[in-house]
Structures are given as structure tokens and as C-alpha cells.
Amino acid sequence: MALLHPTSGYRLLYQEFKAQGQAIGLHKIRVALGELRLHPPQPRKTRHPSPKVSSPQDWPEGRRGHIDATRLSLPDGVCWIYFVLDVISRVVLASRVVRSLSMHLAKLTLDEAVAVLRAEGHPDTILVHSDGGSDFTGEVFQQSCLKYGLWVRSTVSQPGGTGILERLNRTYKPRVLGGRQWDIRKRKLRYAYQRTPAGSG
């Protein structure tokens, strides 16, 4: 039967055999297809190498902004919050609650943050820091970074890295209660965080 249907997958052949009253397991069908060399070649997943972490001495000049996403478990499911933090002022420039991570949503959050800086009269080149997540290394987000300045990959542990933003994440997470009032609470928490002096937590 496999030779009569050389393009059929093992599941389709299993259903055909089952319809004819022949109890042949899926594993036996897969083995037989392999022996007959009827397995289509499986495409190999290509992994793009992660960008290297940049050392502080290699960072170009510019106003630094950190972007990251933190995962939250709410009563109605899992969500993520993108935060963009201005390193100089320690102010949260933008935040966005999303159901899944994507380079498009990361870009929108970055766009909002830069718009806040521009409205405050800061035309500086922006040096965007993030980890090596695919939402930050994707082409859409990278193009946005080039429009405003440059992007560097940094880590939590390195001096000047994204540790500041990780502390922000730890500030928000324990206070999240979920429910319909989340947007209101998020704004209040953001306001409270920005009024907390740096180094007090």
C-alpha cells in the first residue's frame, strides 16, 4: 500500500489499514516507510547564532534605555509586560501588557518610550539595551533601534547592564493581583515606582 501511495504520510496509511481492518501500529508503518526509503527528508531547523554580549567599553555614546518583558500569571491566564526604562532618570517610559511576545509588540513599546523622550525635549541618540530574546533580535525591532540609534545585547550581571530593569520586574511582580482592574493597578504601580528614590529598594 505504501508503494501505491508513496507521498502519503504514516498517519494516513495507518487510517487506510485501519479502514481495511488491519491492525498495524504507527511505529511499524514508520519503520516500513524507512526501509522502503519513502520517508520525506525532514527539514532541519536552522538556529541563528545569538548576538554577542557587548562590553560596556564598546558601547557607543547615547542616552541609554533598557527594554525587557516579564511573565505574569493572572487569573485569566499568562501575560507579559514590556517595560522600557530610561537609565538616567530611572523613569518607566512605556509599558505594554501582551498575551504573547513578538518583535512587533516590542517595537511598539519602544516607539512609545522614544516618543515620551522626544516630547520631553530629548533628541539624543538612543542606545537600546536588551537581552538576546527573539522579540528583540528580530528584524522589525532591530530596524526600529537603528532608526533611533543603536542596539546592544547586555546581561543582568554586567556593570551597566539590564539589572536595573530586573529590579523593576521584581518590584512589580509581587504586587500584581490580577482581575479586571489590572490596567488601573499597572498605572498606579508605575507611578509609585517612579516616585521611589533610586537605591531605596
C-alpha atoms as a PDB file:
ATOM      1  CA  MET A   1       0.000   0.000   0.000  1.00  0.00           C
ATOM      2  CA  ALA A   2       2.876   2.378   0.794  1.00  0.00           C
ATOM      3  CA  LEU A   3       4.237   1.894  -2.728  1.00  0.00           C
ATOM      4  CA  LEU A   4       0.814   2.663  -4.181  1.00  0.00           C
ATOM      5  CA  HIS A   5       0.717   5.902  -2.160  1.00  0.00           C
ATOM      6  CA  PRO A   6       4.382   6.972  -1.954  1.00  0.00           C
ATOM      7  CA  THR A   7       3.542  10.528  -0.915  1.00  0.00           C
ATOM      8  CA  SER A   8       1.244   9.527   1.933  1.00  0.00           C
ATOM      9  CA  GLY A   9       2.355  10.061   5.489  1.00  0.00           C
ATOM     10  CA  TYR A  10       2.362   7.292   8.065  1.00  0.00           C
ATOM     11  CA  ARG A  11      -0.808   8.587   9.746  1.00  0.00           C
ATOM     12  CA  LEU A  12      -2.788   8.466   6.504  1.00  0.00           C
ATOM     13  CA  LEU A  13      -1.524   4.941   5.805  1.00  0.00           C
ATOM     14  CA  TYR A  14      -2.479   3.938   9.362  1.00  0.00           C
ATOM     15  CA  GLN A  15      -6.031   5.142   8.733  1.00  0.00           C
ATOM     16  CA  GLU A  16      -6.144   3.245   5.429  1.00  0.00           C
ATOM     17  CA  PHE A  17      -5.034  -0.002   7.082  1.00  0.00           C
ATOM     18  CA  LYS A  18      -7.469   0.547   9.935  1.00  0.00           C
ATOM     19  CA  ALA A  19     -10.340   1.068   7.487  1.00  0.00           C
ATOM     20  CA  GLN A  20      -9.450  -2.291   5.888  1.00  0.00           C
ATOM     21  CA  GLY A  21      -9.492  -3.984   9.280  1.00  0.00           C
ATOM     22  CA  GLN A  22      -5.721  -4.443   9.531  1.00  0.00           C
ATOM     23  CA  ALA A  23      -4.324  -3.541  12.946  1.00  0.00           C
ATOM     24  CA  ILE A  24      -0.836  -2.271  12.135  1.00  0.00           C
ATOM     25  CA  GLY A  25       0.699   0.119  14.593  1.00  0.00           C
ATOM     26  CA  LEU A  26       2.088   3.544  13.749  1.00  0.00           C
ATOM     27  CA  HIS A  27       5.621   2.512  14.675  1.00  0.00           C
ATOM     28  CA  LYS A  28       5.622  -0.458  12.295  1.00  0.00           C
ATOM     29  CA  ILE A  29       4.372   1.762   9.492  1.00  0.00           C
ATOM     30  CA  ARG A  30       7.132   4.313  10.142  1.00  0.00           C
ATOM     31  CA  VAL A  31       9.763   1.564  10.166  1.00  0.00           C
ATOM     32  CA  ALA A  32       8.411   0.099   6.899  1.00  0.00           C
ATOM     33  CA  LEU A  33       8.429   3.513   5.237  1.00  0.00           C
ATOM     34  CA  GLY A  34      12.040   3.951   6.287  1.00  0.00           C
ATOM     35  CA  GLU A  35      13.026   0.563   4.854  1.00  0.00           C
ATOM     36  CA  LEU A  36      11.289   1.437   1.572  1.00  0.00           C
ATOM     37  CA  ARG A  37      13.045   4.836   1.589  1.00  0.00           C
ATOM     38  CA  LEU A  38       9.701   6.596   1.341  1.00  0.00           C
ATOM     39  CA  HIS A  39      10.317   8.976   4.243  1.00  0.00           C
ATOM     40  CA  PRO A  40      10.400  12.553   3.002  1.00  0.00           C
ATOM     41  CA  PRO A  41      13.524  14.362   4.217  1.00  0.00           C
ATOM     42  CA  GLN A  42      12.809  16.262   7.401  1.00  0.00           C
ATOM     43  CA  PRO A  43      13.784  19.916   7.178  1.00  0.00           C
ATOM     44  CA  ARG A  44      16.439  20.781   9.696  1.00  0.00           C
ATOM     45  CA  LYS A  45      15.826  23.717  11.940  1.00  0.00           C
ATOM     46  CA  THR A  46      18.429  26.377  11.461  1.00  0.00           C
ATOM     47  CA  ARG A  47      19.383  28.208  14.620  1.00  0.00           C
ATOM     48  CA  HIS A  48      20.676  31.698  14.143  1.00  0.00           C
ATOM     49  CA  PRO A  49      23.628  32.454  16.394  1.00  0.00           C
ATOM     50  CA  SER A  50      22.759  34.751  19.289  1.00  0.00           C
ATOM     51  CA  PRO A  51      24.313  38.215  19.179  1.00  0.00           C
ATOM     52  CA  LYS A  52      27.312  38.523  21.459  1.00  0.00           C
ATOM     53  CA  VAL A  53      27.010  40.410  24.726  1.00  0.00           C
ATOM     54  CA  SER A  54      28.606  43.845  24.336  1.00  0.00           C
ATOM     55  CA  SER A  55      31.130  45.065  26.884  1.00  0.00           C
ATOM     56  CA  PRO A  56      30.490  48.495  28.443  1.00  0.00           C
ATOM     57  CA  GLN A  57      33.705  49.893  26.928  1.00  0.00           C
ATOM     58  CA  ASP A  58      32.329  49.029  23.473  1.00  0.00           C
ATOM     59  CA  TRP A  59      29.018  50.836  23.976  1.00  0.00           C
ATOM     60  CA  PRO A  60      28.665  53.923  21.785  1.00  0.00           C
ATOM     61  CA  GLU A  61      27.566  57.280  23.154  1.00  0.00           C
ATOM     62  CA  GLY A  62      23.864  57.888  23.605  1.00  0.00           C
ATOM     63  CA  ARG A  63      21.032  58.036  26.085  1.00  0.00           C
ATOM     64  CA  ARG A  64      20.554  54.517  27.357  1.00  0.00           C
ATOM     65  CA  GLY A  65      17.211  52.774  27.557  1.00  0.00           C
ATOM     66  CA  HIS A  66      16.558  49.240  28.772  1.00  0.00           C
ATOM     67  CA  ILE A  67      13.710  47.084  27.458  1.00  0.00           C
ATOM     68  CA  ASP A  68      12.592  43.754  28.833  1.00  0.00           C
ATOM     69  CA  ALA A  69       9.493  41.603  29.229  1.00  0.00           C
ATOM     70  CA  THR A  70       8.425  39.915  32.436  1.00  0.00           C
ATOM     71  CA  ARG A  71       5.992  36.991  32.676  1.00  0.00           C
ATOM     72  CA  LEU A  72       2.927  37.155  34.913  1.00  0.00           C
ATOM     73  CA  SER A  73       0.356  34.503  35.811  1.00  0.00           C
ATOM     74  CA  LEU A  74      -3.080  36.097  36.209  1.00  0.00           C
ATOM     75  CA  PRO A  75      -6.460  34.515  36.994  1.00  0.00           C
ATOM     76  CA  ASP A  76      -7.397  34.639  33.300  1.00  0.00           C
ATOM     77  CA  GLY A  77      -4.124  33.247  32.019  1.00  0.00           C
ATOM     78  CA  VAL A  78      -0.493  34.131  31.392  1.00  0.00           C
ATOM     79  CA  CYS A  79       0.558  37.533  30.119  1.00  0.00           C
ATOM     80  CA  TRP A  80       3.738  39.516  29.677  1.00  0.00           C
ATOM     81  CA  ILE A  81       4.626  43.139  30.370  1.00  0.00           C
ATOM     82  CA  TYR A  82       7.127  45.014  28.263  1.00  0.00           C
ATOM     83  CA  PHE A  83       8.915  47.771  30.159  1.00  0.00           C
ATOM     84  CA  VAL A  84      11.196  50.481  28.778  1.00  0.00           C
ATOM     85  CA  LEU A  85      13.294  52.193  31.431  1.00  0.00           C
ATOM     86  CA  ASP A  86      15.312  55.386  30.980  1.00  0.00           C
ATOM     87  CA  VAL A  87      18.640  54.683  32.697  1.00  0.00           C
ATOM     88  CA  ILE A  88      19.488  58.310  33.556  1.00  0.00           C
ATOM     89  CA  SER A  89      16.206  59.237  35.245  1.00  0.00           C
ATOM     90  CA  ARG A  90      15.139  55.663  36.226  1.00  0.00           C
ATOM     91  CA  VAL A  91      11.698  56.518  34.827  1.00  0.00           C
ATOM     92  CA  VAL A  92       9.500  53.908  33.164  1.00  0.00           C
ATOM     93  CA  LEU A  93       8.928  55.490  29.770  1.00  0.00           C
ATOM     94  CA  ALA A  94       6.488  52.887  28.460  1.00  0.00           C
ATOM     95  CA  SER A  95       4.852  49.616  29.432  1.00  0.00           C
ATOM     96  CA  ARG A  96       2.610  47.257  27.493  1.00  0.00           C
ATOM     97  CA  VAL A  97       0.676  44.191  28.629  1.00  0.00           C
ATOM     98  CA  VAL A  98       0.598  41.476  25.969  1.00  0.00           C
ATOM     99  CA  ARG A  99      -0.567  37.872  25.721  1.00  0.00           C
ATOM    100  CA  SER A 100       2.483  36.761  23.760  1.00  0.00           C
ATOM    101  CA  LEU A 101       5.908  38.133  22.916  1.00  0.00           C
ATOM    102  CA  SER A 102       6.690  39.440  19.446  1.00  0.00           C
ATOM    103  CA  MET A 103       9.136  41.821  17.803  1.00  0.00           C
ATOM    104  CA  HIS A 104       6.195  43.938  16.593  1.00  0.00           C
ATOM    105  CA  LEU A 105       4.868  44.463  20.134  1.00  0.00           C
ATOM    106  CA  ALA A 106       8.385  45.134  21.427  1.00  0.00           C
ATOM    107  CA  LYS A 107       8.813  47.743  18.681  1.00  0.00           C
ATOM    108  CA  LEU A 108       5.519  49.443  19.559  1.00  0.00           C
ATOM    109  CA  THR A 109       6.605  49.694  23.208  1.00  0.00           C
ATOM    110  CA  LEU A 110       9.973  51.132  22.199  1.00  0.00           C
ATOM    111  CA  ASP A 111       8.264  53.619  19.846  1.00  0.00           C
ATOM    112  CA  GLU A 112       6.061  54.803  22.713  1.00  0.00           C
ATOM    113  CA  ALA A 113       9.069  55.223  25.011  1.00  0.00           C
ATOM    114  CA  VAL A 114      11.062  57.242  22.478  1.00  0.00           C
ATOM    115  CA  ALA A 115       8.016  59.441  21.814  1.00  0.00           C
ATOM    116  CA  VAL A 116       7.948  60.284  25.552  1.00  0.00           C
ATOM    117  CA  LEU A 117      11.628  61.277  25.472  1.00  0.00           C
ATOM    118  CA  ARG A 118      11.132  63.367  22.349  1.00  0.00           C
ATOM    119  CA  ALA A 119       8.116  65.119  23.890  1.00  0.00           C
ATOM    120  CA  GLU A 120      10.313  65.994  26.899  1.00  0.00           C
ATOM    121  CA  GLY A 121      12.820  67.614  24.559  1.00  0.00           C
ATOM    122  CA  HIS A 122      15.474  64.881  24.436  1.00  0.00           C
ATOM    123  CA  PRO A 123      16.616  64.458  20.819  1.00  0.00           C
ATOM    124  CA  ASP A 124      19.583  62.290  21.865  1.00  0.00           C
ATOM    125  CA  THR A 125      20.596  59.129  20.100  1.00  0.00           C
ATOM    126  CA  ILE A 126      19.094  56.172  21.973  1.00  0.00           C
ATOM    127  CA  LEU A 127      21.235  53.194  22.913  1.00  0.00           C
ATOM    128  CA  VAL A 128      18.754  50.373  23.440  1.00  0.00           C
ATOM    129  CA  HIS A 129      19.766  47.558  25.801  1.00  0.00           C
ATOM    130  CA  SER A 130      18.009  44.197  25.925  1.00  0.00           C
ATOM    131  CA  ASP A 131      18.706  40.508  26.288  1.00  0.00           C
ATOM    132  CA  GLY A 132      19.023  38.205  23.294  1.00  0.00           C
ATOM    133  CA  GLY A 133      15.348  37.221  23.051  1.00  0.00           C
ATOM    134  CA  SER A 134      13.955  36.666  19.566  1.00  0.00           C
ATOM    135  CA  ASP A 135      11.497  39.547  20.014  1.00  0.00           C
ATOM    136  CA  PHE A 136      14.497  41.867  20.429  1.00  0.00           C
ATOM    137  CA  THR A 137      16.793  40.318  17.821  1.00  0.00           C
ATOM    138  CA  GLY A 138      14.091  40.160  15.124  1.00  0.00           C
ATOM    139  CA  GLU A 139      14.416  42.423  12.091  1.00  0.00           C
ATOM    140  CA  VAL A 140      11.414  44.646  12.880  1.00  0.00           C
ATOM    141  CA  PHE A 141      12.696  45.568  16.339  1.00  0.00           C
ATOM    142  CA  GLN A 142      16.289  45.928  15.143  1.00  0.00           C
ATOM    143  CA  GLN A 143      15.260  48.352  12.390  1.00  0.00           C
ATOM    144  CA  SER A 144      13.431  50.454  14.962  1.00  0.00           C
ATOM    145  CA  CYS A 145      16.574  50.556  17.126  1.00  0.00           C
ATOM    146  CA  LEU A 146      18.644  51.717  14.156  1.00  0.00           C
ATOM    147  CA  LYS A 147      16.115  54.471  13.479  1.00  0.00           C
ATOM    148  CA  TYR A 148      16.571  55.858  16.995  1.00  0.00           C
ATOM    149  CA  GLY A 149      20.223  54.973  17.496  1.00  0.00           C
ATOM    150  CA  LEU A 150      21.761  51.580  18.189  1.00  0.00           C
ATOM    151  CA  TRP A 151      21.035  48.289  19.965  1.00  0.00           C
ATOM    152  CA  VAL A 152      23.331  46.289  22.226  1.00  0.00           C
ATOM    153  CA  ARG A 153      22.810  42.997  23.965  1.00  0.00           C
ATOM    154  CA  SER A 154      23.611  43.184  27.649  1.00  0.00           C
ATOM    155  CA  THR A 155      23.105  40.986  30.673  1.00  0.00           C
ATOM    156  CA  VAL A 156      21.797  41.400  34.201  1.00  0.00           C
ATOM    157  CA  SER A 157      25.167  40.707  35.831  1.00  0.00           C
ATOM    158  CA  GLN A 158      27.419  43.056  33.875  1.00  0.00           C
ATOM    159  CA  PRO A 159      28.020  46.636  35.104  1.00  0.00           C
ATOM    160  CA  GLY A 160      25.542  48.984  33.460  1.00  0.00           C
ATOM    161  CA  GLY A 161      23.544  46.027  32.168  1.00  0.00           C
ATOM    162  CA  THR A 162      19.862  45.274  32.475  1.00  0.00           C
ATOM    163  CA  GLY A 163      19.983  44.593  36.222  1.00  0.00           C
ATOM    164  CA  ILE A 164      18.095  47.847  36.868  1.00  0.00           C
ATOM    165  CA  LEU A 165      15.195  46.572  34.812  1.00  0.00           C
ATOM    166  CA  GLU A 166      15.244  43.210  36.549  1.00  0.00           C
ATOM    167  CA  ARG A 167      14.833  45.013  39.873  1.00  0.00           C
ATOM    168  CA  LEU A 168      11.846  46.821  38.401  1.00  0.00           C
ATOM    169  CA  ASN A 169      10.353  43.460  37.434  1.00  0.00           C
ATOM    170  CA  ARG A 170      10.811  42.190  40.991  1.00  0.00           C
ATOM    171  CA  THR A 171       9.082  45.322  42.300  1.00  0.00           C
ATOM    172  CA  TYR A 172       6.024  44.806  40.104  1.00  0.00           C
ATOM    173  CA  LYS A 173       5.505  41.062  40.288  1.00  0.00           C
ATOM    174  CA  PRO A 174       4.589  40.603  43.989  1.00  0.00           C
ATOM    175  CA  ARG A 175       2.050  43.420  43.794  1.00  0.00           C
ATOM    176  CA  VAL A 176       0.061  42.073  40.871  1.00  0.00           C
ATOM    177  CA  LEU A 177      -3.337  40.754  41.974  1.00  0.00           C
ATOM    178  CA  GLY A 178      -4.944  40.149  38.585  1.00  0.00           C
ATOM    179  CA  GLY A 179      -8.550  40.732  37.598  1.00  0.00           C
ATOM    180  CA  ARG A 180     -10.289  43.463  35.649  1.00  0.00           C
ATOM    181  CA  GLN A 181      -8.576  46.333  37.471  1.00  0.00           C
ATOM    182  CA  TRP A 182      -5.130  45.329  36.202  1.00  0.00           C
ATOM    183  CA  ASP A 183      -4.699  48.319  33.853  1.00  0.00           C
ATOM    184  CA  ILE A 184      -5.522  50.753  36.677  1.00  0.00           C
ATOM    185  CA  ARG A 185      -3.164  48.971  39.089  1.00  0.00           C
ATOM    186  CA  LYS A 186      -0.418  48.922  36.475  1.00  0.00           C
ATOM    187  CA  ARG A 187      -0.612  52.695  36.089  1.00  0.00           C
ATOM    188  CA  LYS A 188      -0.575  53.176  39.877  1.00  0.00           C
ATOM    189  CA  LEU A 189       2.392  50.838  40.306  1.00  0.00           C
ATOM    190  CA  ARG A 190       4.276  52.549  37.531  1.00  0.00           C
ATOM    191  CA  TYR A 191       3.652  55.930  39.191  1.00  0.00           C
ATOM    192  CA  ALA A 192       4.726  54.588  42.604  1.00  0.00           C
ATOM    193  CA  TYR A 193       7.893  53.065  41.190  1.00  0.00           C
ATOM    194  CA  GLN A 194       8.884  56.313  39.503  1.00  0.00           C
ATOM    195  CA  ARG A 195       8.437  58.200  42.787  1.00  0.00           C
ATOM    196  CA  THR A 196      10.683  55.776  44.679  1.00  0.00           C
ATOM    197  CA  PRO A 197      14.237  57.179  45.004  1.00  0.00           C
ATOM    198  CA  ALA A 198      16.900  55.119  43.255  1.00  0.00           C
ATOM    199  CA  GLY A 199      18.699  52.769  45.609  1.00  0.00           C
ATOM    200  CA  SER A 200      15.929  52.692  48.205  1.00  0.00           C
ATOM    201  CA  GLY A 201      14.777  49.205  47.312  1.00  0.00           C
END
